Amino acid sequence: VQLQASGGGLVQPGGSLRLSCAASGGTFSLANVAWFRQAPGKEREFVSAMRRGDTYKYYADSVKGRFTISRDTVKNTALLQMSSLKPEDTAVYYCAAKEYRPISSALRLADTWAYWGQGTQVTVSS
């Protein structure tokens, strides 16, 4: 299974971007998917996640109300719509996936997720 993240770029503060994550290499479903990010000199941190069978979506406090995670089941892609972007959102964004539904208490841990994309750079700057 390979994950391909795309959609990053340079955007001004207050702007928006939409990241996509596509799966290839089989019939793997992006039903359990997460986004993490890593800024220079910092550890990788949880951004958002969603699970198979859950209507509830999980967000880091720092992005709640500004980011929205979703999936396109027809295209088998996961999306992260980012709005009201701030300079502190600047980071490499990674999508991650897992075949089996993870428990909610483990969603925010990078070790929970089995498959990772290569990352896409998001830079928020004027």
N, C-alpha and C. Protein backbone atom coordinates (compact mmCIF):
# COMPACT_ATOMS: atom_id res chain seq x y z
N VAL A 1 0.85 -1.19 0.00
CA VAL A 1 0.00 0.00 0.00
C VAL A 1 0.88 1.24 0.00
N GLN A 2 0.56 2.15 -0.88
CA GLN A 2 1.28 3.42 -0.92
C GLN A 2 0.28 4.57 -0.80
N LEU A 3 0.66 5.55 -0.01
CA LEU A 3 -0.16 6.74 0.15
C LEU A 3 0.56 7.91 -0.50
N GLN A 4 -0.19 8.72 -1.20
CA GLN A 4 0.37 9.87 -1.89
C GLN A 4 -0.37 11.12 -1.44
N ALA A 5 0.33 11.99 -0.72
CA ALA A 5 -0.27 13.26 -0.28
C ALA A 5 0.07 14.35 -1.27
N SER A 6 -0.89 15.24 -1.49
CA SER A 6 -0.68 16.34 -2.42
C SER A 6 -1.53 17.53 -2.00
N GLY A 7 -1.29 18.66 -2.66
CA GLY A 7 -2.11 19.84 -2.41
C GLY A 7 -1.45 20.93 -1.60
N GLY A 8 -0.24 20.68 -1.12
CA GLY A 8 0.45 21.69 -0.34
C GLY A 8 0.91 22.84 -1.22
N GLY A 9 1.41 23.89 -0.56
CA GLY A 9 1.89 25.04 -1.29
C GLY A 9 2.11 26.22 -0.39
N LEU A 10 2.31 27.36 -1.00
CA LEU A 10 2.51 28.62 -0.28
C LEU A 10 1.19 29.40 -0.27
N VAL A 11 0.78 29.84 0.89
CA VAL A 11 -0.48 30.57 1.01
C VAL A 11 -0.30 31.69 2.03
N GLN A 12 -1.03 32.77 1.83
CA GLN A 12 -0.95 33.88 2.78
C GLN A 12 -1.77 33.58 4.02
N PRO A 13 -1.43 34.20 5.13
CA PRO A 13 -2.25 34.03 6.34
C PRO A 13 -3.71 34.37 6.07
N GLY A 14 -4.58 33.52 6.59
CA GLY A 14 -6.00 33.68 6.34
C GLY A 14 -6.50 32.92 5.14
N GLY A 15 -5.58 32.39 4.36
CA GLY A 15 -5.95 31.66 3.16
C GLY A 15 -6.35 30.22 3.43
N SER A 16 -6.62 29.50 2.34
CA SER A 16 -7.08 28.11 2.43
C SER A 16 -6.29 27.21 1.50
N LEU A 17 -6.22 25.96 1.87
CA LEU A 17 -5.65 24.91 1.04
C LEU A 17 -6.43 23.63 1.28
N ARG A 18 -6.43 22.77 0.29
CA ARG A 18 -7.04 21.45 0.47
C ARG A 18 -6.00 20.39 0.13
N LEU A 19 -5.73 19.56 1.10
CA LEU A 19 -4.79 18.46 0.91
C LEU A 19 -5.56 17.20 0.55
N SER A 20 -4.92 16.38 -0.29
CA SER A 20 -5.51 15.11 -0.68
C SER A 20 -4.55 13.98 -0.38
N CYS A 21 -5.10 12.82 -0.11
CA CYS A 21 -4.30 11.63 0.15
C CYS A 21 -4.93 10.49 -0.63
N ALA A 22 -4.17 9.93 -1.56
CA ALA A 22 -4.67 8.84 -2.37
C ALA A 22 -3.92 7.56 -2.04
N ALA A 23 -4.64 6.45 -2.05
CA ALA A 23 -4.05 5.15 -1.78
C ALA A 23 -3.92 4.37 -3.08
N SER A 24 -2.83 3.66 -3.22
CA SER A 24 -2.62 2.81 -4.39
C SER A 24 -1.94 1.52 -3.96
N GLY A 25 -1.91 0.56 -4.86
CA GLY A 25 -1.24 -0.69 -4.56
C GLY A 25 -2.16 -1.78 -4.09
N GLY A 26 -3.44 -1.66 -4.42
CA GLY A 26 -4.37 -2.71 -4.03
C GLY A 26 -5.75 -2.16 -3.81
N THR A 27 -6.51 -2.86 -2.98
CA THR A 27 -7.89 -2.44 -2.71
C THR A 27 -8.00 -1.83 -1.32
N PHE A 28 -6.91 -1.33 -0.82
CA PHE A 28 -6.91 -0.74 0.52
C PHE A 28 -7.86 0.44 0.58
N SER A 29 -8.70 0.45 1.61
CA SER A 29 -9.67 1.52 1.79
C SER A 29 -9.16 2.52 2.80
N LEU A 30 -9.33 3.80 2.47
CA LEU A 30 -8.93 4.86 3.41
C LEU A 30 -10.06 5.13 4.40
N ALA A 31 -10.57 4.08 5.00
CA ALA A 31 -11.65 4.26 5.96
C ALA A 31 -11.14 4.79 7.29
N ASN A 32 -9.95 4.35 7.66
CA ASN A 32 -9.29 4.83 8.89
C ASN A 32 -8.09 5.66 8.46
N VAL A 33 -8.17 6.95 8.61
CA VAL A 33 -7.15 7.83 8.07
C VAL A 33 -6.90 9.00 9.02
N ALA A 34 -5.66 9.47 8.99
CA ALA A 34 -5.27 10.58 9.86
C ALA A 34 -4.33 11.51 9.12
N TRP A 35 -4.25 12.71 9.61
CA TRP A 35 -3.27 13.68 9.15
C TRP A 35 -2.41 14.09 10.33
N PHE A 36 -1.11 14.14 10.09
CA PHE A 36 -0.14 14.64 11.04
C PHE A 36 0.66 15.73 10.35
N ARG A 37 1.38 16.48 11.13
CA ARG A 37 2.26 17.49 10.54
C ARG A 37 3.54 17.60 11.36
N GLN A 38 4.59 18.08 10.71
CA GLN A 38 5.86 18.25 11.39
C GLN A 38 6.50 19.53 10.92
N ALA A 39 6.70 20.44 11.84
CA ALA A 39 7.37 21.70 11.55
C ALA A 39 8.87 21.54 11.80
N PRO A 40 9.69 22.37 11.20
CA PRO A 40 11.14 22.26 11.39
C PRO A 40 11.52 22.32 12.86
N GLY A 41 12.32 21.38 13.28
CA GLY A 41 12.80 21.35 14.66
C GLY A 41 11.79 20.87 15.68
N LYS A 42 10.63 20.43 15.21
CA LYS A 42 9.60 19.97 16.13
C LYS A 42 9.24 18.52 15.85
N GLU A 43 8.57 17.91 16.82
CA GLU A 43 8.13 16.54 16.63
C GLU A 43 6.86 16.50 15.77
N ARG A 44 6.64 15.35 15.18
CA ARG A 44 5.42 15.16 14.40
C ARG A 44 4.22 15.23 15.34
N GLU A 45 3.19 15.97 14.93
CA GLU A 45 2.04 16.12 15.79
C GLU A 45 0.75 15.77 15.06
N PHE A 46 -0.20 15.31 15.82
CA PHE A 46 -1.52 14.93 15.32
C PHE A 46 -2.28 16.16 14.86
N VAL A 47 -3.00 16.02 13.75
CA VAL A 47 -3.84 17.11 13.24
C VAL A 47 -5.31 16.69 13.26
N SER A 48 -5.61 15.55 12.63
CA SER A 48 -7.01 15.15 12.51
C SER A 48 -7.09 13.67 12.14
N ALA A 49 -8.23 13.06 12.43
CA ALA A 49 -8.42 11.66 12.08
C ALA A 49 -9.91 11.34 11.97
N MET A 50 -10.17 10.27 11.23
CA MET A 50 -11.53 9.73 11.17
C MET A 50 -11.45 8.22 11.03
N ARG A 51 -12.50 7.56 11.52
CA ARG A 51 -12.49 6.09 11.55
C ARG A 51 -13.70 5.53 10.81
N ARG A 52 -13.55 4.31 10.37
CA ARG A 52 -14.65 3.58 9.74
C ARG A 52 -15.80 3.49 10.72
N GLY A 53 -16.99 3.82 10.26
CA GLY A 53 -18.17 3.66 11.08
C GLY A 53 -18.43 4.81 12.04
N ASP A 54 -17.52 5.74 12.13
CA ASP A 54 -17.65 6.90 13.03
C ASP A 54 -18.16 8.11 12.26
N THR A 55 -19.14 8.80 12.81
CA THR A 55 -19.50 10.10 12.25
C THR A 55 -18.68 11.20 12.92
N TYR A 56 -18.16 10.90 14.11
CA TYR A 56 -17.35 11.88 14.83
C TYR A 56 -15.98 11.97 14.19
N LYS A 57 -15.46 13.18 14.11
CA LYS A 57 -14.13 13.41 13.57
C LYS A 57 -13.26 14.07 14.63
N TYR A 58 -12.02 13.71 14.62
CA TYR A 58 -11.11 14.11 15.68
C TYR A 58 -10.16 15.20 15.16
N TYR A 59 -9.95 16.20 16.01
CA TYR A 59 -9.07 17.32 15.64
C TYR A 59 -8.19 17.73 16.80
N ALA A 60 -7.00 18.19 16.47
CA ALA A 60 -6.17 18.84 17.48
C ALA A 60 -6.82 20.17 17.83
N ASP A 61 -6.66 20.59 19.07
CA ASP A 61 -7.26 21.85 19.51
C ASP A 61 -6.79 23.02 18.65
N SER A 62 -5.56 22.95 18.19
CA SER A 62 -4.99 24.07 17.44
C SER A 62 -5.62 24.27 16.06
N VAL A 63 -6.34 23.25 15.56
CA VAL A 63 -6.93 23.37 14.22
C VAL A 63 -8.44 23.26 14.24
N LYS A 64 -9.01 22.97 15.40
CA LYS A 64 -10.45 22.79 15.50
C LYS A 64 -11.18 24.05 15.07
N GLY A 65 -12.18 23.86 14.21
CA GLY A 65 -12.94 24.99 13.68
C GLY A 65 -12.35 25.59 12.42
N ARG A 66 -11.13 25.20 12.08
CA ARG A 66 -10.48 25.73 10.87
C ARG A 66 -10.22 24.64 9.83
N PHE A 67 -9.97 23.42 10.30
CA PHE A 67 -9.68 22.31 9.40
C PHE A 67 -10.85 21.34 9.40
N THR A 68 -11.05 20.69 8.25
CA THR A 68 -12.09 19.67 8.14
C THR A 68 -11.54 18.46 7.40
N ILE A 69 -11.68 17.31 8.04
CA ILE A 69 -11.26 16.06 7.42
C ILE A 69 -12.46 15.38 6.78
N SER A 70 -12.23 14.75 5.65
CA SER A 70 -13.31 14.03 4.97
C SER A 70 -12.69 12.98 4.06
N ARG A 71 -13.54 12.17 3.46
CA ARG A 71 -13.05 11.18 2.50
C ARG A 71 -14.01 11.12 1.32
N ASP A 72 -13.45 10.78 0.19
CA ASP A 72 -14.21 10.54 -1.03
C ASP A 72 -14.13 9.04 -1.29
N THR A 73 -15.20 8.33 -0.97
CA THR A 73 -15.16 6.87 -1.06
C THR A 73 -15.10 6.39 -2.51
N VAL A 74 -15.62 7.17 -3.44
CA VAL A 74 -15.57 6.77 -4.85
C VAL A 74 -14.14 6.81 -5.36
N LYS A 75 -13.45 7.88 -5.03
CA LYS A 75 -12.07 8.04 -5.48
C LYS A 75 -11.07 7.42 -4.52
N ASN A 76 -11.55 6.97 -3.36
CA ASN A 76 -10.69 6.41 -2.32
C ASN A 76 -9.58 7.39 -1.95
N THR A 77 -9.97 8.60 -1.66
CA THR A 77 -9.03 9.61 -1.22
C THR A 77 -9.51 10.23 0.09
N ALA A 78 -8.57 10.71 0.86
CA ALA A 78 -8.87 11.45 2.08
C ALA A 78 -8.51 12.91 1.84
N LEU A 79 -9.27 13.78 2.43
CA LEU A 79 -9.09 15.21 2.21
C LEU A 79 -8.92 15.94 3.53
N LEU A 80 -8.14 17.00 3.49
CA LEU A 80 -8.03 17.89 4.65
C LEU A 80 -8.21 19.31 4.13
N GLN A 81 -9.37 19.87 4.39
CA GLN A 81 -9.64 21.25 4.01
C GLN A 81 -9.16 22.16 5.12
N MET A 82 -8.24 23.06 4.78
CA MET A 82 -7.64 23.95 5.77
C MET A 82 -8.02 25.38 5.44
N SER A 83 -8.60 26.06 6.41
CA SER A 83 -9.02 27.45 6.23
C SER A 83 -8.44 28.30 7.34
N SER A 84 -8.51 29.61 7.14
CA SER A 84 -7.99 30.56 8.13
C SER A 84 -6.58 30.17 8.56
N LEU A 85 -5.76 29.88 7.60
CA LEU A 85 -4.42 29.38 7.90
C LEU A 85 -3.57 30.45 8.59
N LYS A 86 -2.72 29.97 9.48
CA LYS A 86 -1.84 30.83 10.27
C LYS A 86 -0.39 30.44 9.99
N PRO A 87 0.54 31.35 10.22
CA PRO A 87 1.95 31.01 10.03
C PRO A 87 2.38 29.77 10.83
N GLU A 88 1.79 29.57 11.99
CA GLU A 88 2.14 28.41 12.81
C GLU A 88 1.61 27.09 12.23
N ASP A 89 0.82 27.15 11.18
CA ASP A 89 0.39 25.93 10.49
C ASP A 89 1.44 25.45 9.50
N THR A 90 2.48 26.23 9.32
CA THR A 90 3.54 25.84 8.38
C THR A 90 4.21 24.55 8.84
N ALA A 91 4.24 23.56 7.97
CA ALA A 91 4.79 22.25 8.30
C ALA A 91 4.70 21.35 7.08
N VAL A 92 5.34 20.21 7.19
CA VAL A 92 5.11 19.13 6.23
C VAL A 92 3.93 18.32 6.77
N TYR A 93 2.94 18.12 5.93
CA TYR A 93 1.74 17.40 6.32
C TYR A 93 1.78 15.98 5.75
N TYR A 94 1.49 15.03 6.62
CA TYR A 94 1.52 13.63 6.26
C TYR A 94 0.14 13.01 6.44
N CYS A 95 -0.25 12.18 5.50
CA CYS A 95 -1.45 11.37 5.73
C CYS A 95 -1.00 9.98 6.17
N ALA A 96 -1.84 9.36 6.95
CA ALA A 96 -1.55 8.03 7.49
C ALA A 96 -2.83 7.22 7.47
N ALA A 97 -2.68 5.92 7.38
CA ALA A 97 -3.86 5.06 7.33
C ALA A 97 -3.59 3.74 8.04
N LYS A 98 -4.71 3.08 8.31
CA LYS A 98 -4.61 1.80 9.04
C LYS A 98 -5.76 0.93 8.55
N GLU A 99 -5.50 -0.34 8.39
CA GLU A 99 -6.53 -1.23 7.88
C GLU A 99 -7.63 -1.47 8.90
N TYR A 100 -7.23 -1.67 10.16
CA TYR A 100 -8.21 -1.99 11.19
C TYR A 100 -8.53 -0.73 12.00
N ARG A 101 -9.76 -0.64 12.43
CA ARG A 101 -10.26 0.52 13.14
C ARG A 101 -9.50 0.72 14.45
N PRO A 102 -8.79 1.81 14.60
CA PRO A 102 -8.03 2.02 15.85
C PRO A 102 -8.96 2.50 16.96
N ILE A 103 -8.55 2.25 18.20
CA ILE A 103 -9.32 2.75 19.33
C ILE A 103 -9.12 4.26 19.42
N SER A 104 -10.13 4.94 19.92
CA SER A 104 -10.10 6.40 19.92
C SER A 104 -8.95 6.96 20.73
N SER A 105 -8.59 6.29 21.82
CA SER A 105 -7.51 6.81 22.67
C SER A 105 -6.15 6.74 22.00
N ALA A 106 -6.04 5.99 20.90
CA ALA A 106 -4.75 5.84 20.23
C ALA A 106 -4.65 6.64 18.94
N LEU A 107 -5.71 7.32 18.57
CA LEU A 107 -5.73 8.01 17.28
C LEU A 107 -4.64 9.06 17.15
N ARG A 108 -4.31 9.70 18.25
CA ARG A 108 -3.38 10.82 18.19
C ARG A 108 -1.92 10.40 18.23
N LEU A 109 -1.68 9.10 18.30
CA LEU A 109 -0.32 8.58 18.38
C LEU A 109 0.15 8.15 17.00
N ALA A 110 1.31 8.60 16.59
CA ALA A 110 1.83 8.26 15.27
C ALA A 110 2.05 6.75 15.13
N ASP A 111 2.42 6.09 16.21
CA ASP A 111 2.68 4.65 16.16
C ASP A 111 1.43 3.83 15.86
N THR A 112 0.27 4.42 16.02
CA THR A 112 -0.98 3.71 15.74
C THR A 112 -1.15 3.40 14.27
N TRP A 113 -0.59 4.27 13.43
CA TRP A 113 -0.87 4.24 12.00
C TRP A 113 0.19 3.47 11.24
N ALA A 114 -0.27 2.52 10.40
CA ALA A 114 0.63 1.58 9.74
C ALA A 114 1.23 2.11 8.44
N TYR A 115 0.47 2.91 7.72
CA TYR A 115 0.90 3.36 6.40
C TYR A 115 0.98 4.88 6.38
N TRP A 116 2.03 5.37 5.74
CA TRP A 116 2.28 6.82 5.70
C TRP A 116 2.57 7.28 4.29
N GLY A 117 2.09 8.48 3.98
CA GLY A 117 2.45 9.13 2.73
C GLY A 117 3.78 9.85 2.88
N GLN A 118 4.24 10.43 1.80
CA GLN A 118 5.57 11.03 1.79
C GLN A 118 5.58 12.46 2.33
N GLY A 119 4.44 13.06 2.51
CA GLY A 119 4.37 14.42 3.03
C GLY A 119 4.25 15.47 1.94
N THR A 120 3.55 16.54 2.28
CA THR A 120 3.42 17.67 1.37
C THR A 120 3.62 18.95 2.18
N GLN A 121 4.43 19.86 1.64
CA GLN A 121 4.80 21.07 2.36
C GLN A 121 3.70 22.11 2.29
N VAL A 122 3.35 22.64 3.46
CA VAL A 122 2.42 23.77 3.55
C VAL A 122 3.18 24.92 4.20
N THR A 123 3.23 26.04 3.51
CA THR A 123 3.90 27.23 4.03
C THR A 123 2.90 28.38 4.06
N VAL A 124 2.72 28.94 5.24
CA VAL A 124 1.81 30.07 5.41
C VAL A 124 2.65 31.30 5.73
N SER A 125 2.69 32.20 4.79
CA SER A 125 3.56 33.37 4.94
C SER A 125 3.08 34.49 4.03
N SER A 126 3.29 35.72 4.49
CA SER A 126 2.95 36.87 3.66
C SER A 126 4.17 37.33 2.88
